[in-house]
């Protein structure tokens, strides 16, 4: 657990130079997934299955949040003008 926290702190500190390019290429969600994978390496097989379930739930929630941001899902008549642009 301490190793994972150190990795997150190093990402936050090194915002200058090539690390910023890496952060732009790789969103923070990927960093979270890599953290979860490192946790999986240390835990037992039973924990790995639960962590995989949590990863699938997190990815599904992120997909739903992206759709909520992109699409209002409200009145179609109100959004017609925005669609014509």
PDB file of N, CA and C in Angstrom:
ATOM      1  N   UNK A   1       0.835  -1.202   0.000  1.00  0.00           N
ATOM      2  CA  UNK A   1       0.000   0.000   0.000  1.00  0.00           C
ATOM      3  C   UNK A   1       0.870   1.252   0.000  1.00  0.00           C
ATOM      4  N   UNK A   2       1.958   1.258   0.763  1.00  0.00           N
ATOM      5  CA  UNK A   2       2.824   2.430   0.811  1.00  0.00           C
ATOM      6  C   UNK A   2       3.469   2.686  -0.547  1.00  0.00           C
ATOM      7  N   UNK A   3       3.849   1.632  -1.257  1.00  0.00           N
ATOM      8  CA  UNK A   3       4.450   1.792  -2.578  1.00  0.00           C
ATOM      9  C   UNK A   3       3.482   2.491  -3.515  1.00  0.00           C
ATOM     10  N   UNK A   4       2.202   2.132  -3.452  1.00  0.00           N
ATOM     11  CA  UNK A   4       1.206   2.715  -4.353  1.00  0.00           C
ATOM     12  C   UNK A   4       1.054   4.202  -4.058  1.00  0.00           C
ATOM     13  N   UNK A   5       1.016   4.563  -2.764  1.00  0.00           N
ATOM     14  CA  UNK A   5       0.863   5.971  -2.395  1.00  0.00           C
ATOM     15  C   UNK A   5       2.062   6.765  -2.902  1.00  0.00           C
ATOM     16  N   UNK A   6       3.269   6.201  -2.817  1.00  0.00           N
ATOM     17  CA  UNK A   6       4.471   6.883  -3.298  1.00  0.00           C
ATOM     18  C   UNK A   6       4.371   7.127  -4.802  1.00  0.00           C
ATOM     19  N   UNK A   7       3.833   6.157  -5.545  1.00  0.00           N
ATOM     20  CA  UNK A   7       3.695   6.332  -6.994  1.00  0.00           C
ATOM     21  C   UNK A   7       2.764   7.491  -7.297  1.00  0.00           C
ATOM     22  N   UNK A   8       1.634   7.592  -6.581  1.00  0.00           N
ATOM     23  CA  UNK A   8       0.680   8.676  -6.824  1.00  0.00           C
ATOM     24  C   UNK A   8       1.320  10.019  -6.512  1.00  0.00           C
ATOM     25  N   UNK A   9       2.077  10.099  -5.412  1.00  0.00           N
ATOM     26  CA  UNK A   9       2.723  11.354  -5.034  1.00  0.00           C
ATOM     27  C   UNK A   9       3.740  11.751  -6.108  1.00  0.00           C
ATOM     28  N   UNK A  10       4.490  10.788  -6.653  1.00  0.00           N
ATOM     29  CA  UNK A  10       5.480  11.111  -7.672  1.00  0.00           C
ATOM     30  C   UNK A  10       4.796  11.643  -8.925  1.00  0.00           C
ATOM     31  N   UNK A  11       3.622  11.087  -9.284  1.00  0.00           N
ATOM     32  CA  UNK A  11       2.898  11.602 -10.445  1.00  0.00           C
ATOM     33  C   UNK A  11       2.465  13.042 -10.204  1.00  0.00           C
ATOM     34  N   UNK A  12       1.979  13.353  -8.999  1.00  0.00           N
ATOM     35  CA  UNK A  12       1.493  14.696  -8.720  1.00  0.00           C
ATOM     36  C   UNK A  12       2.646  15.702  -8.685  1.00  0.00           C
ATOM     37  N   UNK A  13       3.809  15.308  -8.173  1.00  0.00           N
ATOM     38  CA  UNK A  13       4.917  16.245  -8.056  1.00  0.00           C
ATOM     39  C   UNK A  13       5.523  16.571  -9.417  1.00  0.00           C
ATOM     40  N   UNK A  14       5.730  15.564 -10.260  1.00  0.00           N
ATOM     41  CA  UNK A  14       6.459  15.772 -11.514  1.00  0.00           C
ATOM     42  C   UNK A  14       5.506  16.220 -12.617  1.00  0.00           C
ATOM     43  N   UNK A  15       5.064  17.484 -12.549  1.00  0.00           N
ATOM     44  CA  UNK A  15       4.196  18.030 -13.593  1.00  0.00           C
ATOM     45  C   UNK A  15       4.998  18.717 -14.696  1.00  0.00           C
ATOM     46  N   UNK A  16       6.300  18.906 -14.522  1.00  0.00           N
ATOM     47  CA  UNK A  16       7.110  19.625 -15.510  1.00  0.00           C
ATOM     48  C   UNK A  16       7.826  18.651 -16.425  1.00  0.00           C
ATOM     49  N   UNK A  17       7.925  19.025 -17.720  1.00  0.00           N
ATOM     50  CA  UNK A  17       8.735  18.242 -18.656  1.00  0.00           C
ATOM     51  C   UNK A  17       7.974  17.068 -19.242  1.00  0.00           C
ATOM     52  N   UNK A  18       8.681  15.935 -19.393  1.00  0.00           N
ATOM     53  CA  UNK A  18       8.121  14.784 -20.086  1.00  0.00           C
ATOM     54  C   UNK A  18       6.989  14.133 -19.302  1.00  0.00           C
ATOM     55  N   UNK A  19       7.007  14.265 -17.978  1.00  0.00           N
ATOM     56  CA  UNK A  19       5.952  13.639 -17.175  1.00  0.00           C
ATOM     57  C   UNK A  19       4.596  14.245 -17.508  1.00  0.00           C
ATOM     58  N   UNK A  20       4.568  15.552 -17.827  1.00  0.00           N
ATOM     59  CA  UNK A  20       3.300  16.184 -18.186  1.00  0.00           C
ATOM     60  C   UNK A  20       2.776  15.589 -19.492  1.00  0.00           C
ATOM     61  N   UNK A  21       3.681  15.317 -20.454  1.00  0.00           N
ATOM     62  CA  UNK A  21       3.253  14.669 -21.697  1.00  0.00           C
ATOM     63  C   UNK A  21       2.688  13.283 -21.409  1.00  0.00           C
ATOM     64  N   UNK A  22       3.334  12.546 -20.507  1.00  0.00           N
ATOM     65  CA  UNK A  22       2.840  11.220 -20.153  1.00  0.00           C
ATOM     66  C   UNK A  22       1.456  11.310 -19.517  1.00  0.00           C
ATOM     67  N   UNK A  23       1.241  12.305 -18.674  1.00  0.00           N
ATOM     68  CA  UNK A  23      -0.059  12.456 -18.030  1.00  0.00           C
ATOM     69  C   UNK A  23      -1.127  12.825 -19.052  1.00  0.00           C
ATOM     70  N   UNK A  24      -0.750  13.634 -20.074  1.00  0.00           N
ATOM     71  CA  UNK A  24      -1.729  13.964 -21.114  1.00  0.00           C
ATOM     72  C   UNK A  24      -2.064  12.731 -21.942  1.00  0.00           C
ATOM     73  N   UNK A  25      -1.058  11.933 -22.267  1.00  0.00           N
ATOM     74  CA  UNK A  25      -1.308  10.713 -23.027  1.00  0.00           C
ATOM     75  C   UNK A  25      -2.115   9.717 -22.198  1.00  0.00           C
ATOM     76  N   UNK A  26      -1.833   9.614 -20.912  1.00  0.00           N
ATOM     77  CA  UNK A  26      -2.456   8.614 -20.045  1.00  0.00           C
ATOM     78  C   UNK A  26      -3.313   9.303 -18.987  1.00  0.00           C
ATOM     79  N   UNK A  27      -4.645   9.170 -19.054  1.00  0.00           N
ATOM     80  CA  UNK A  27      -5.497   9.831 -18.061  1.00  0.00           C
ATOM     81  C   UNK A  27      -5.309   9.231 -16.674  1.00  0.00           C
ATOM     82  N   UNK A  28      -5.832   9.936 -15.685  1.00  0.00           N
ATOM     83  CA  UNK A  28      -5.656   9.497 -14.295  1.00  0.00           C
ATOM     84  C   UNK A  28      -6.364   8.176 -14.034  1.00  0.00           C
ATOM     85  N   UNK A  29      -7.419   7.872 -14.820  1.00  0.00           N
ATOM     86  CA  UNK A  29      -8.110   6.596 -14.623  1.00  0.00           C
ATOM     87  C   UNK A  29      -7.155   5.438 -14.899  1.00  0.00           C
ATOM     88  N   UNK A  30      -6.275   5.585 -15.920  1.00  0.00           N
ATOM     89  CA  UNK A  30      -5.299   4.535 -16.199  1.00  0.00           C
ATOM     90  C   UNK A  30      -4.341   4.385 -15.019  1.00  0.00           C
ATOM     91  N   UNK A  31      -3.955   5.498 -14.405  1.00  0.00           N
ATOM     92  CA  UNK A  31      -3.080   5.430 -13.237  1.00  0.00           C
ATOM     93  C   UNK A  31      -3.769   4.673 -12.107  1.00  0.00           C
ATOM     94  N   UNK A  32      -5.073   4.939 -11.920  1.00  0.00           N
ATOM     95  CA  UNK A  32      -5.829   4.219 -10.890  1.00  0.00           C
ATOM     96  C   UNK A  32      -5.853   2.730 -11.186  1.00  0.00           C
ATOM     97  N   UNK A  33      -6.035   2.366 -12.473  1.00  0.00           N
ATOM     98  CA  UNK A  33      -6.086   0.945 -12.833  1.00  0.00           C
ATOM     99  C   UNK A  33      -4.729   0.293 -12.565  1.00  0.00           C
ATOM    100  N   UNK A  34      -3.639   0.993 -12.892  1.00  0.00           N
ATOM    101  CA  UNK A  34      -2.314   0.426 -12.621  1.00  0.00           C
ATOM    102  C   UNK A  34      -2.107   0.251 -11.117  1.00  0.00           C
ATOM    103  N   UNK A  35      -2.618   1.211 -10.318  1.00  0.00           N
ATOM    104  CA  UNK A  35      -2.542   1.072  -8.865  1.00  0.00           C
ATOM    105  C   UNK A  35      -3.288  -0.177  -8.417  1.00  0.00           C
ATOM    106  N   UNK A  36      -4.496  -0.393  -8.980  1.00  0.00           N
ATOM    107  CA  UNK A  36      -5.290  -1.564  -8.586  1.00  0.00           C
ATOM    108  C   UNK A  36      -4.558  -2.845  -8.971  1.00  0.00           C
ATOM    109  N   UNK A  37      -3.900  -2.835 -10.148  1.00  0.00           N
ATOM    110  CA  UNK A  37      -3.169  -4.035 -10.574  1.00  0.00           C
ATOM    111  C   UNK A  37      -2.015  -4.314  -9.609  1.00  0.00           C
ATOM    112  N   UNK A  38      -1.324  -3.268  -9.169  1.00  0.00           N
ATOM    113  CA  UNK A  38      -0.236  -3.477  -8.207  1.00  0.00           C
ATOM    114  C   UNK A  38      -0.785  -4.034  -6.899  1.00  0.00           C
ATOM    115  N   UNK A  39      -1.976  -3.589  -6.504  1.00  0.00           N
ATOM    116  CA  UNK A  39      -2.602  -4.154  -5.299  1.00  0.00           C
ATOM    117  C   UNK A  39      -2.900  -5.632  -5.533  1.00  0.00           C
ATOM    118  N   UNK A  40      -3.377  -5.969  -6.740  1.00  0.00           N
ATOM    119  CA  UNK A  40      -3.712  -7.356  -7.057  1.00  0.00           C
ATOM    120  C   UNK A  40      -2.479  -8.252  -6.922  1.00  0.00           C
ATOM    121  N   UNK A  41      -1.312  -7.743  -7.321  1.00  0.00           N
ATOM    122  CA  UNK A  41      -0.094  -8.546  -7.234  1.00  0.00           C
ATOM    123  C   UNK A  41       0.181  -8.964  -5.782  1.00  0.00           C
ATOM    124  N   UNK A  42      -0.149  -8.085  -4.837  1.00  0.00           N
ATOM    125  CA  UNK A  42       0.174  -8.349  -3.435  1.00  0.00           C
ATOM    126  C   UNK A  42      -0.892  -9.179  -2.734  1.00  0.00           C
ATOM    127  N   UNK A  43      -2.133  -9.187  -3.262  1.00  0.00           N
ATOM    128  CA  UNK A  43      -3.231  -9.847  -2.555  1.00  0.00           C
ATOM    129  C   UNK A  43      -3.391 -11.282  -3.036  1.00  0.00           C
ATOM    130  N   UNK A  44      -4.275 -12.007  -2.375  1.00  0.00           N
ATOM    131  CA  UNK A  44      -4.515 -13.411  -2.718  1.00  0.00           C
ATOM    132  C   UNK A  44      -5.485 -13.514  -3.889  1.00  0.00           C
ATOM    133  N   UNK A  45      -5.730 -14.736  -4.366  1.00  0.00           N
ATOM    134  CA  UNK A  45      -6.584 -14.942  -5.535  1.00  0.00           C
ATOM    135  C   UNK A  45      -8.026 -14.557  -5.235  1.00  0.00           C
ATOM    136  N   UNK A  46      -8.502 -14.806  -4.034  1.00  0.00           N
ATOM    137  CA  UNK A  46      -9.879 -14.437  -3.687  1.00  0.00           C
ATOM    138  C   UNK A  46     -10.066 -12.932  -3.759  1.00  0.00           C
ATOM    139  N   UNK A  47      -9.078 -12.173  -3.305  1.00  0.00           N
ATOM    140  CA  UNK A  47      -9.162 -10.719  -3.379  1.00  0.00           C
ATOM    141  C   UNK A  47      -9.111 -10.260  -4.826  1.00  0.00           C
ATOM    142  N   UNK A  48      -8.355 -10.954  -5.676  1.00  0.00           N
ATOM    143  CA  UNK A  48      -8.223 -10.544  -7.071  1.00  0.00           C
ATOM    144  C   UNK A  48      -9.587 -10.587  -7.757  1.00  0.00           C
ATOM    145  N   UNK A  49     -10.385 -11.602  -7.485  1.00  0.00           N
ATOM    146  CA  UNK A  49     -11.695 -11.686  -8.129  1.00  0.00           C
ATOM    147  C   UNK A  49     -12.573 -10.517  -7.707  1.00  0.00           C
ATOM    148  N   UNK A  50     -12.536 -10.159  -6.425  1.00  0.00           N
ATOM    149  CA  UNK A  50     -13.336  -9.026  -5.956  1.00  0.00           C
ATOM    150  C   UNK A  50     -12.837  -7.732  -6.585  1.00  0.00           C
ATOM    151  N   UNK A  51     -11.522  -7.585  -6.703  1.00  0.00           N
ATOM    152  CA  UNK A  51     -10.958  -6.370  -7.292  1.00  0.00           C
ATOM    153  C   UNK A  51     -11.331  -6.280  -8.770  1.00  0.00           C
ATOM    154  N   UNK A  52     -11.326  -7.400  -9.489  1.00  0.00           N
ATOM    155  CA  UNK A  52     -11.738  -7.390 -10.892  1.00  0.00           C
ATOM    156  C   UNK A  52     -13.194  -6.956 -11.008  1.00  0.00           C
ATOM    157  N   UNK A  53     -14.047  -7.416 -10.095  1.00  0.00           N
ATOM    158  CA  UNK A  53     -15.446  -6.985 -10.115  1.00  0.00           C
ATOM    159  C   UNK A  53     -15.543  -5.482  -9.881  1.00  0.00           C
ATOM    160  N   UNK A  54     -14.750  -4.963  -8.954  1.00  0.00           N
ATOM    161  CA  UNK A  54     -14.780  -3.530  -8.693  1.00  0.00           C
ATOM    162  C   UNK A  54     -14.270  -2.758  -9.909  1.00  0.00           C
ATOM    163  N   UNK A  55     -13.263  -3.285 -10.620  1.00  0.00           N
ATOM    164  CA  UNK A  55     -12.745  -2.612 -11.815  1.00  0.00           C
ATOM    165  C   UNK A  55     -13.838  -2.537 -12.874  1.00  0.00           C
ATOM    166  N   UNK A  56     -14.564  -3.627 -13.081  1.00  0.00           N
ATOM    167  CA  UNK A  56     -15.635  -3.608 -14.079  1.00  0.00           C
ATOM    168  C   UNK A  56     -16.718  -2.613 -13.675  1.00  0.00           C
ATOM    169  N   UNK A  57     -17.044  -2.543 -12.399  1.00  0.00           N
ATOM    170  CA  UNK A  57     -18.044  -1.579 -11.930  1.00  0.00           C
ATOM    171  C   UNK A  57     -17.548  -0.155 -12.153  1.00  0.00           C
ATOM    172  N   UNK A  58     -16.264   0.106 -11.871  1.00  0.00           N
ATOM    173  CA  UNK A  58     -15.714   1.453 -12.040  1.00  0.00           C
ATOM    174  C   UNK A  58     -15.725   1.840 -13.514  1.00  0.00           C
ATOM    175  N   UNK A  59     -15.341   0.919 -14.403  1.00  0.00           N
ATOM    176  CA  UNK A  59     -15.332   1.227 -15.833  1.00  0.00           C
ATOM    177  C   UNK A  59     -16.747   1.494 -16.327  1.00  0.00           C
ATOM    178  N   UNK A  60     -17.720   0.701 -15.852  1.00  0.00           N
ATOM    179  CA  UNK A  60     -19.111   0.922 -16.262  1.00  0.00           C
ATOM    180  C   UNK A  60     -19.597   2.288 -15.779  1.00  0.00           C
ATOM    181  N   UNK A  61     -19.267   2.664 -14.564  1.00  0.00           N
ATOM    182  CA  UNK A  61     -19.676   3.966 -14.037  1.00  0.00           C
ATOM    183  C   UNK A  61     -19.018   5.097 -14.818  1.00  0.00           C
ATOM    184  N   UNK A  62     -17.746   4.933 -15.195  1.00  0.00           N
ATOM    185  CA  UNK A  62     -17.079   5.978 -15.968  1.00  0.00           C
ATOM    186  C   UNK A  62     -17.716   6.121 -17.344  1.00  0.00           C
ATOM    187  N   UNK A  63     -18.084   4.993 -17.984  1.00  0.00           N
ATOM    188  CA  UNK A  63     -18.763   5.056 -19.281  1.00  0.00           C
ATOM    189  C   UNK A  63     -20.101   5.772 -19.139  1.00  0.00           C
ATOM    190  N   UNK A  64     -20.836   5.467 -18.064  1.00  0.00           N
ATOM    191  CA  UNK A  64     -22.132   6.123 -17.854  1.00  0.00           C
ATOM    192  C   UNK A  64     -21.925   7.617 -17.617  1.00  0.00           C
ATOM    193  N   UNK A  65     -20.911   7.993 -16.850  1.00  0.00           N
ATOM    194  CA  UNK A  65     -20.642   9.403 -16.590  1.00  0.00           C
ATOM    195  C   UNK A  65     -20.252  10.126 -17.869  1.00  0.00           C
ATOM    196  N   UNK A  66     -19.456   9.495 -18.740  1.00  0.00           N
ATOM    197  CA  UNK A  66     -19.097  10.106 -20.018  1.00  0.00           C
ATOM    198  C   UNK A  66     -20.342  10.334 -20.856  1.00  0.00           C
ATOM    199  N   UNK A  67     -21.271   9.368 -20.880  1.00  0.00           N
ATOM    200  CA  UNK A  67     -22.514   9.544 -21.633  1.00  0.00           C
ATOM    201  C   UNK A  67     -23.359  10.653 -21.026  1.00  0.00           C
ATOM    202  N   UNK A  68     -23.382  10.756 -19.709  1.00  0.00           N
ATOM    203  CA  UNK A  68     -24.140  11.823 -19.058  1.00  0.00           C
ATOM    204  C   UNK A  68     -23.558  13.183 -19.423  1.00  0.00           C
ATOM    205  N   UNK A  69     -22.231  13.270 -19.525  1.00  0.00           N
ATOM    206  CA  UNK A  69     -21.603  14.544 -19.882  1.00  0.00           C
ATOM    207  C   UNK A  69     -21.879  14.881 -21.342  1.00  0.00           C
ATOM    208  N   UNK A  70     -21.762  13.890 -22.232  1.00  0.00           N
ATOM    209  CA  UNK A  70     -21.927  14.149 -23.659  1.00  0.00           C
ATOM    210  C   UNK A  70     -23.381  14.409 -24.027  1.00  0.00           C
ATOM    211  N   UNK A  71     -24.285  13.601 -23.486  1.00  0.00           N
ATOM    212  CA  UNK A  71     -25.690  13.679 -23.870  1.00  0.00           C
ATOM    213  C   UNK A  71     -26.508  14.161 -22.685  1.00  0.00           C
ATOM    214  N   UNK A  72     -27.341  15.195 -22.939  1.00  0.00           N
ATOM    215  CA  UNK A  72     -28.211  15.688 -21.874  1.00  0.00           C
ATOM    216  C   UNK A  72     -29.289  14.659 -21.549  1.00  0.00           C
ATOM    217  N   UNK A  73     -29.846  14.003 -22.570  1.00  0.00           N
ATOM    218  CA  UNK A  73     -30.878  13.007 -22.346  1.00  0.00           C
ATOM    219  C   UNK A  73     -32.203  13.621 -21.937  1.00  0.00           C
ATOM    220  N   UNK A  74     -32.342  14.950 -22.084  1.00  0.00           N
ATOM    221  CA  UNK A  74     -33.580  15.621 -21.693  1.00  0.00           C
ATOM    222  C   UNK A  74     -34.531  15.760 -22.871  1.00  0.00           C
ATOM    223  N   UNK A  75     -35.081  16.963 -23.049  1.00  0.00           N
ATOM    224  CA  UNK A  75     -36.044  17.201 -24.132  1.00  0.00           C
ATOM    225  C   UNK A  75     -35.316  17.228 -25.469  1.00  0.00           C
ATOM    226  N   UNK A  76     -35.806  16.448 -26.431  1.00  0.00           N
ATOM    227  CA  UNK A  76     -35.184  16.441 -27.753  1.00  0.00           C
ATOM    228  C   UNK A  76     -35.424  17.765 -28.471  1.00  0.00           C
ATOM    229  N   UNK A  77     -36.587  18.392 -28.229  1.00  0.00           N
ATOM    230  CA  UNK A  77     -36.911  19.645 -28.908  1.00  0.00           C
ATOM    231  C   UNK A  77     -35.938  20.746 -28.502  1.00  0.00           C
ATOM    232  N   UNK A  78     -35.506  20.757 -27.252  1.00  0.00           N
ATOM    233  CA  UNK A  78     -34.598  21.800 -26.781  1.00  0.00           C
ATOM    234  C   UNK A  78     -33.208  21.625 -27.392  1.00  0.00           C
ATOM    235  N   UNK A  79     -32.821  20.383 -27.709  1.00  0.00           N
ATOM    236  CA  UNK A  79     -31.476  20.120 -28.202  1.00  0.00           C
ATOM    237  C   UNK A  79     -31.377  20.117 -29.726  1.00  0.00           C
ATOM    238  N   UNK A  80     -32.483  20.350 -30.425  1.00  0.00           N
ATOM    239  CA  UNK A  80     -32.438  20.295 -31.892  1.00  0.00           C
ATOM    240  C   UNK A  80     -31.522  21.382 -32.446  1.00  0.00           C
ATOM    241  N   UNK A  81     -31.579  22.602 -31.887  1.00  0.00           N
ATOM    242  CA  UNK A  81     -30.759  23.687 -32.412  1.00  0.00           C
ATOM    243  C   UNK A  81     -29.275  23.384 -32.229  1.00  0.00           C
ATOM    244  N   UNK A  82     -28.904  22.798 -31.111  1.00  0.00           N
ATOM    245  CA  UNK A  82     -27.502  22.453 -30.884  1.00  0.00           C
ATOM    246  C   UNK A  82     -27.048  21.379 -31.865  1.00  0.00           C
ATOM    247  N   UNK A  83     -27.927  20.459 -32.208  1.00  0.00           N
ATOM    248  CA  UNK A  83     -27.559  19.399 -33.137  1.00  0.00           C
ATOM    249  C   UNK A  83     -27.361  19.913 -34.548  1.00  0.00           C
ATOM    250  N   UNK A  84     -28.090  20.969 -34.941  1.00  0.00           N
ATOM    251  CA  UNK A  84     -27.977  21.489 -36.314  1.00  0.00           C
ATOM    252  C   UNK A  84     -26.667  22.226 -36.528  1.00  0.00           C
ATOM    253  N   UNK A  85     -26.074  22.743 -35.461  1.00  0.00           N
ATOM    254  CA  UNK A  85     -24.797  23.435 -35.605  1.00  0.00           C
ATOM    255  C   UNK A  85     -23.781  22.445 -36.069  1.00  0.00           C
TER     256      UNK A  85
END
